[in-house]
Amino acid sequence: YHINMIDCSFEINYLIKEDSVMVLYLKKNICLESLPKIKDIMFEYLSKGINNIILNLSECSFIERDIWNYFIDFKKELNNDCYGDIVLSNMNGIVQMDYDLMELSNSIESFESLNDALYNFGIFNHTKSA
């Protein structure tokens, strides 16, 4: 039989809001092999004291279970070590289904919009992003 491999192409963009929050845009399929790249970006800014992270998943179509587990563990570390946090925004499709199925809301908070997620960190975002 033929095993359908998931296309592990991914894209990451990020921006920093008010020197306190990193918004990470994860696009396409996030598999284990994309983790080193994600870690590099996060740790670069953690070292600069930016320890609040929003994962914007509006263009993300799949997240491998190991990646979910990593984010949950990482959130615990952030909470304990540097009073930071990691939250999700703009989930849809399979990503939202997996999040619900694995009952991840107990572990990692999700917001419908990026503005809601920013507001969670005390940032009032009135600009419309393109």
N, C-alpha and C. Protein backbone atom coordinates (compact mmCIF):
# COMPACT_ATOMS: atom_id res chain seq x y z
N TYR A 1 0.84 -1.18 0.00
CA TYR A 1 0.00 0.00 0.00
C TYR A 1 0.89 1.25 0.00
N HIS A 2 0.29 2.34 -0.41
CA HIS A 2 1.04 3.57 -0.55
C HIS A 2 0.83 4.45 0.67
N ILE A 3 1.94 4.86 1.30
CA ILE A 3 1.82 5.77 2.44
C ILE A 3 1.91 7.19 1.92
N ASN A 4 0.90 7.96 2.22
CA ASN A 4 0.89 9.33 1.78
C ASN A 4 1.69 10.18 2.77
N MET A 5 2.85 10.63 2.33
CA MET A 5 3.68 11.44 3.21
C MET A 5 3.18 12.87 3.22
N ILE A 6 3.22 13.46 4.37
CA ILE A 6 2.84 14.86 4.47
C ILE A 6 3.97 15.71 3.90
N ASP A 7 3.60 16.64 3.08
CA ASP A 7 4.57 17.57 2.54
C ASP A 7 5.02 18.49 3.66
N CYS A 8 6.28 18.36 4.04
CA CYS A 8 6.75 19.11 5.21
C CYS A 8 7.33 20.47 4.84
N SER A 9 6.80 21.05 3.80
CA SER A 9 7.25 22.40 3.49
C SER A 9 6.64 23.34 4.52
N PHE A 10 7.41 24.32 4.93
CA PHE A 10 6.87 25.25 5.90
C PHE A 10 7.49 26.61 5.69
N GLU A 11 6.85 27.60 6.22
CA GLU A 11 7.38 28.96 6.18
C GLU A 11 7.21 29.56 7.55
N ILE A 12 8.16 30.38 7.93
CA ILE A 12 8.03 31.09 9.19
C ILE A 12 8.32 32.56 8.94
N ASN A 13 7.40 33.40 9.34
CA ASN A 13 7.67 34.83 9.40
C ASN A 13 7.45 35.25 10.84
N TYR A 14 8.06 36.34 11.23
CA TYR A 14 7.79 36.79 12.57
C TYR A 14 7.91 38.30 12.65
N LEU A 15 7.27 38.86 13.64
CA LEU A 15 7.44 40.27 13.92
C LEU A 15 7.41 40.47 15.42
N ILE A 16 7.99 41.56 15.86
CA ILE A 16 8.06 41.86 17.28
C ILE A 16 7.18 43.07 17.54
N LYS A 17 6.31 42.94 18.52
CA LYS A 17 5.38 44.01 18.87
C LYS A 17 5.83 44.70 20.15
N GLU A 18 6.05 45.98 20.07
CA GLU A 18 6.34 46.80 21.26
C GLU A 18 7.42 46.20 22.15
N ASP A 19 8.42 45.60 21.51
CA ASP A 19 9.55 45.02 22.24
C ASP A 19 9.16 44.06 23.34
N SER A 20 7.96 43.49 23.25
CA SER A 20 7.58 42.58 24.34
C SER A 20 6.94 41.29 23.87
N VAL A 21 6.41 41.29 22.66
CA VAL A 21 5.72 40.10 22.17
C VAL A 21 6.23 39.73 20.78
N MET A 22 6.52 38.45 20.60
CA MET A 22 6.88 37.96 19.28
C MET A 22 5.66 37.28 18.66
N VAL A 23 5.34 37.67 17.43
CA VAL A 23 4.29 36.98 16.69
C VAL A 23 4.98 36.11 15.65
N LEU A 24 4.78 34.80 15.78
CA LEU A 24 5.39 33.84 14.87
C LEU A 24 4.32 33.33 13.93
N TYR A 25 4.49 33.55 12.65
CA TYR A 25 3.53 33.07 11.65
C TYR A 25 4.02 31.73 11.13
N LEU A 26 3.31 30.66 11.51
CA LEU A 26 3.68 29.34 11.02
C LEU A 26 2.78 28.99 9.85
N LYS A 27 3.38 28.68 8.71
CA LYS A 27 2.59 28.45 7.50
C LYS A 27 2.82 27.05 6.95
N LYS A 28 1.81 26.56 6.27
CA LYS A 28 1.83 25.22 5.66
C LYS A 28 1.87 24.13 6.72
N ASN A 29 2.80 23.17 6.57
CA ASN A 29 2.85 22.02 7.46
C ASN A 29 4.04 22.08 8.40
N ILE A 30 3.77 22.06 9.69
CA ILE A 30 4.85 22.15 10.67
C ILE A 30 5.16 20.75 11.19
N CYS A 31 6.28 20.22 10.72
CA CYS A 31 6.71 18.88 11.11
C CYS A 31 7.95 18.99 11.99
N LEU A 32 8.36 17.87 12.52
CA LEU A 32 9.47 17.85 13.46
C LEU A 32 10.71 18.50 12.86
N GLU A 33 10.92 18.33 11.56
CA GLU A 33 12.13 18.87 10.95
C GLU A 33 12.14 20.41 10.91
N SER A 34 10.97 21.02 11.12
CA SER A 34 10.96 22.49 11.15
C SER A 34 11.24 23.04 12.54
N LEU A 35 11.34 22.15 13.53
CA LEU A 35 11.50 22.61 14.91
C LEU A 35 12.80 23.38 15.17
N PRO A 36 13.96 22.92 14.66
CA PRO A 36 15.20 23.67 14.92
C PRO A 36 15.10 25.13 14.48
N LYS A 37 14.48 25.36 13.34
CA LYS A 37 14.32 26.71 12.82
C LYS A 37 13.43 27.55 13.74
N ILE A 38 12.32 26.94 14.19
CA ILE A 38 11.40 27.64 15.10
C ILE A 38 12.12 27.97 16.40
N LYS A 39 12.87 26.97 16.92
CA LYS A 39 13.61 27.17 18.17
C LYS A 39 14.62 28.29 18.03
N ASP A 40 15.35 28.31 16.92
CA ASP A 40 16.38 29.34 16.71
C ASP A 40 15.80 30.73 16.84
N ILE A 41 14.67 30.94 16.18
CA ILE A 41 14.05 32.26 16.21
C ILE A 41 13.57 32.60 17.62
N MET A 42 12.90 31.65 18.26
CA MET A 42 12.36 31.91 19.59
C MET A 42 13.47 32.20 20.59
N PHE A 43 14.55 31.39 20.55
CA PHE A 43 15.60 31.55 21.54
C PHE A 43 16.42 32.82 21.30
N GLU A 44 16.51 33.23 20.05
CA GLU A 44 17.21 34.49 19.75
C GLU A 44 16.53 35.65 20.48
N TYR A 45 15.19 35.64 20.47
CA TYR A 45 14.47 36.74 21.10
C TYR A 45 14.27 36.55 22.59
N LEU A 46 14.22 35.29 23.02
CA LEU A 46 14.17 35.03 24.46
C LEU A 46 15.42 35.61 25.12
N SER A 47 16.56 35.47 24.44
CA SER A 47 17.81 35.98 25.01
C SER A 47 17.79 37.51 25.09
N LYS A 48 16.90 38.13 24.32
CA LYS A 48 16.77 39.59 24.37
C LYS A 48 15.64 40.01 25.31
N GLY A 49 15.08 39.03 26.01
CA GLY A 49 14.07 39.34 27.00
C GLY A 49 12.64 39.38 26.47
N ILE A 50 12.46 38.93 25.23
CA ILE A 50 11.10 38.87 24.69
C ILE A 50 10.59 37.45 24.91
N ASN A 51 9.70 37.29 25.90
CA ASN A 51 9.33 35.94 26.30
C ASN A 51 7.82 35.69 26.20
N ASN A 52 7.13 36.56 25.49
CA ASN A 52 5.72 36.30 25.18
C ASN A 52 5.60 36.03 23.70
N ILE A 53 5.02 34.88 23.37
CA ILE A 53 5.01 34.43 21.98
C ILE A 53 3.59 34.11 21.55
N ILE A 54 3.22 34.63 20.39
CA ILE A 54 1.93 34.28 19.79
C ILE A 54 2.24 33.49 18.52
N LEU A 55 1.66 32.30 18.44
CA LEU A 55 1.78 31.53 17.20
C LEU A 55 0.55 31.83 16.36
N ASN A 56 0.76 32.53 15.27
CA ASN A 56 -0.35 32.83 14.37
C ASN A 56 -0.45 31.70 13.36
N LEU A 57 -1.57 30.98 13.40
CA LEU A 57 -1.71 29.76 12.60
C LEU A 57 -2.72 29.92 11.46
N SER A 58 -2.95 31.17 11.05
CA SER A 58 -3.99 31.40 10.02
C SER A 58 -3.68 30.68 8.71
N GLU A 59 -2.39 30.51 8.39
CA GLU A 59 -2.04 29.84 7.13
C GLU A 59 -1.38 28.49 7.37
N CYS A 60 -1.60 27.96 8.57
CA CYS A 60 -1.00 26.68 8.92
C CYS A 60 -2.02 25.57 8.65
N SER A 61 -1.62 24.55 7.91
CA SER A 61 -2.58 23.50 7.58
C SER A 61 -2.40 22.22 8.39
N PHE A 62 -1.23 22.07 9.04
CA PHE A 62 -1.02 20.85 9.83
C PHE A 62 0.12 21.06 10.81
N ILE A 63 -0.04 20.53 12.02
CA ILE A 63 1.03 20.55 13.02
C ILE A 63 1.20 19.13 13.55
N GLU A 64 2.40 18.62 13.44
CA GLU A 64 2.69 17.26 13.91
C GLU A 64 2.57 17.21 15.43
N ARG A 65 2.15 16.06 15.94
CA ARG A 65 1.90 15.90 17.38
C ARG A 65 3.13 16.26 18.22
N ASP A 66 4.32 15.85 17.75
CA ASP A 66 5.55 16.16 18.49
C ASP A 66 5.76 17.66 18.65
N ILE A 67 5.33 18.40 17.66
CA ILE A 67 5.45 19.86 17.71
C ILE A 67 4.49 20.43 18.76
N TRP A 68 3.26 19.92 18.75
CA TRP A 68 2.29 20.33 19.79
C TRP A 68 2.91 20.09 21.17
N ASN A 69 3.45 18.88 21.35
CA ASN A 69 4.03 18.52 22.64
C ASN A 69 5.17 19.46 23.03
N TYR A 70 5.97 19.81 22.03
CA TYR A 70 7.07 20.73 22.29
C TYR A 70 6.53 22.08 22.77
N PHE A 71 5.53 22.61 22.08
CA PHE A 71 4.98 23.91 22.46
C PHE A 71 4.40 23.88 23.88
N ILE A 72 3.77 22.77 24.24
CA ILE A 72 3.18 22.66 25.57
C ILE A 72 4.28 22.63 26.64
N ASP A 73 5.34 21.84 26.38
CA ASP A 73 6.46 21.79 27.32
C ASP A 73 7.14 23.16 27.42
N PHE A 74 7.29 23.78 26.27
CA PHE A 74 7.96 25.08 26.20
C PHE A 74 7.18 26.14 26.98
N LYS A 75 5.85 26.05 26.88
CA LYS A 75 4.99 26.98 27.62
C LYS A 75 5.23 26.84 29.12
N LYS A 76 5.32 25.59 29.59
CA LYS A 76 5.58 25.36 31.02
C LYS A 76 6.90 26.00 31.44
N GLU A 77 7.93 25.83 30.59
CA GLU A 77 9.23 26.43 30.88
C GLU A 77 9.12 27.95 30.96
N LEU A 78 8.45 28.53 29.97
CA LEU A 78 8.28 29.99 29.94
C LEU A 78 7.58 30.47 31.19
N ASN A 79 6.49 29.79 31.54
CA ASN A 79 5.72 30.18 32.72
C ASN A 79 6.58 30.12 33.98
N ASN A 80 7.41 29.08 34.08
CA ASN A 80 8.18 28.86 35.31
C ASN A 80 9.45 29.70 35.36
N ASP A 81 10.15 29.77 34.23
CA ASP A 81 11.49 30.35 34.24
C ASP A 81 11.52 31.86 34.04
N CYS A 82 10.66 32.37 33.18
CA CYS A 82 10.79 33.80 32.89
C CYS A 82 9.45 34.50 32.77
N TYR A 83 8.45 33.96 33.42
CA TYR A 83 7.14 34.62 33.47
C TYR A 83 6.62 34.99 32.08
N GLY A 84 6.99 34.19 31.11
CA GLY A 84 6.50 34.41 29.76
C GLY A 84 5.34 33.49 29.47
N ASP A 85 4.85 33.57 28.23
CA ASP A 85 3.74 32.70 27.85
C ASP A 85 3.77 32.50 26.35
N ILE A 86 3.10 31.46 25.93
CA ILE A 86 2.94 31.20 24.51
C ILE A 86 1.47 30.88 24.27
N VAL A 87 0.87 31.55 23.30
CA VAL A 87 -0.54 31.33 22.98
C VAL A 87 -0.70 31.18 21.47
N LEU A 88 -1.87 30.72 21.08
CA LEU A 88 -2.15 30.48 19.66
C LEU A 88 -3.19 31.48 19.17
N SER A 89 -3.16 31.77 17.88
CA SER A 89 -4.25 32.57 17.32
C SER A 89 -4.57 32.11 15.91
N ASN A 90 -5.79 32.38 15.49
CA ASN A 90 -6.25 32.18 14.11
C ASN A 90 -6.16 30.74 13.61
N MET A 91 -6.46 29.80 14.50
CA MET A 91 -6.45 28.39 14.07
C MET A 91 -7.65 28.10 13.19
N ASN A 92 -7.49 27.17 12.28
CA ASN A 92 -8.63 26.71 11.49
C ASN A 92 -8.37 25.31 10.97
N GLY A 93 -9.36 24.74 10.33
CA GLY A 93 -9.20 23.45 9.66
C GLY A 93 -8.70 22.34 10.56
N ILE A 94 -7.76 21.56 10.01
CA ILE A 94 -7.23 20.38 10.70
C ILE A 94 -6.51 20.78 11.99
N VAL A 95 -5.83 21.92 11.95
CA VAL A 95 -5.10 22.38 13.13
C VAL A 95 -6.08 22.59 14.29
N GLN A 96 -7.20 23.23 14.00
CA GLN A 96 -8.23 23.46 15.02
C GLN A 96 -8.83 22.13 15.49
N MET A 97 -9.07 21.22 14.55
CA MET A 97 -9.64 19.92 14.89
C MET A 97 -8.70 19.13 15.81
N ASP A 98 -7.41 19.13 15.48
CA ASP A 98 -6.43 18.42 16.30
C ASP A 98 -6.35 19.05 17.69
N TYR A 99 -6.36 20.36 17.73
CA TYR A 99 -6.30 21.10 19.00
C TYR A 99 -7.47 20.69 19.90
N ASP A 100 -8.67 20.61 19.29
CA ASP A 100 -9.86 20.21 20.04
C ASP A 100 -9.79 18.73 20.44
N LEU A 101 -9.38 17.91 19.48
CA LEU A 101 -9.33 16.46 19.67
C LEU A 101 -8.37 16.08 20.80
N MET A 102 -7.21 16.74 20.83
CA MET A 102 -6.20 16.44 21.84
C MET A 102 -6.45 17.22 23.13
N GLU A 103 -7.56 17.96 23.15
CA GLU A 103 -7.93 18.76 24.32
C GLU A 103 -6.78 19.64 24.79
N LEU A 104 -6.16 20.31 23.82
CA LEU A 104 -4.99 21.13 24.13
C LEU A 104 -5.35 22.44 24.80
N SER A 105 -6.65 22.77 24.80
CA SER A 105 -7.06 24.02 25.45
C SER A 105 -6.74 24.00 26.94
N ASN A 106 -6.60 22.78 27.50
CA ASN A 106 -6.20 22.66 28.91
C ASN A 106 -4.75 23.09 29.10
N SER A 107 -3.97 23.02 28.02
CA SER A 107 -2.53 23.24 28.14
C SER A 107 -2.08 24.57 27.54
N ILE A 108 -2.70 24.97 26.46
CA ILE A 108 -2.21 26.14 25.74
C ILE A 108 -3.40 26.93 25.21
N GLU A 109 -3.42 28.22 25.52
CA GLU A 109 -4.59 29.03 25.23
C GLU A 109 -4.64 29.44 23.76
N SER A 110 -5.84 29.57 23.25
CA SER A 110 -5.97 29.97 21.85
C SER A 110 -6.95 31.14 21.73
N PHE A 111 -6.66 32.03 20.78
CA PHE A 111 -7.50 33.20 20.54
C PHE A 111 -7.94 33.19 19.08
N GLU A 112 -9.14 33.71 18.84
CA GLU A 112 -9.67 33.69 17.48
C GLU A 112 -8.90 34.62 16.56
N SER A 113 -8.48 35.77 17.10
CA SER A 113 -7.78 36.73 16.25
C SER A 113 -6.46 37.12 16.87
N LEU A 114 -5.59 37.65 16.04
CA LEU A 114 -4.30 38.13 16.50
C LEU A 114 -4.50 39.29 17.49
N ASN A 115 -5.46 40.15 17.21
CA ASN A 115 -5.73 41.27 18.10
C ASN A 115 -6.10 40.80 19.51
N ASP A 116 -6.93 39.74 19.58
CA ASP A 116 -7.31 39.18 20.88
C ASP A 116 -6.07 38.65 21.62
N ALA A 117 -5.20 37.99 20.85
CA ALA A 117 -3.99 37.42 21.46
C ALA A 117 -3.06 38.54 21.95
N LEU A 118 -2.93 39.59 21.17
CA LEU A 118 -2.10 40.73 21.58
C LEU A 118 -2.69 41.40 22.82
N TYR A 119 -4.00 41.53 22.82
CA TYR A 119 -4.71 42.14 23.94
C TYR A 119 -4.43 41.36 25.22
N ASN A 120 -4.36 40.05 25.09
CA ASN A 120 -4.04 39.16 26.20
C ASN A 120 -2.72 39.56 26.86
N PHE A 121 -1.78 40.09 26.06
CA PHE A 121 -0.49 40.52 26.58
C PHE A 121 -0.46 42.03 26.83
N GLY A 122 -1.64 42.65 26.81
CA GLY A 122 -1.71 44.07 27.14
C GLY A 122 -1.35 44.99 26.00
N ILE A 123 -1.40 44.47 24.78
CA ILE A 123 -1.10 45.31 23.63
C ILE A 123 -2.38 45.60 22.87
N PHE A 124 -2.66 46.87 22.69
CA PHE A 124 -3.87 47.27 21.97
C PHE A 124 -3.46 47.55 20.54
N ASN A 125 -3.89 46.69 19.66
CA ASN A 125 -3.44 46.76 18.28
C ASN A 125 -4.55 47.33 17.42
N HIS A 126 -4.44 48.58 17.05
CA HIS A 126 -5.52 49.19 16.28
C HIS A 126 -5.22 49.22 14.79
N THR A 127 -4.02 48.85 14.41
CA THR A 127 -3.67 48.89 13.00
C THR A 127 -4.17 47.64 12.31
N LYS A 128 -4.69 47.82 11.15
CA LYS A 128 -5.12 46.67 10.34
C LYS A 128 -3.88 46.17 9.60
N SER A 129 -3.61 44.88 9.72
CA SER A 129 -2.46 44.35 9.00
C SER A 129 -2.91 43.85 7.64
N ALA A 130 -2.03 43.99 6.70
CA ALA A 130 -2.38 43.62 5.32
C ALA A 130 -2.53 42.11 5.18
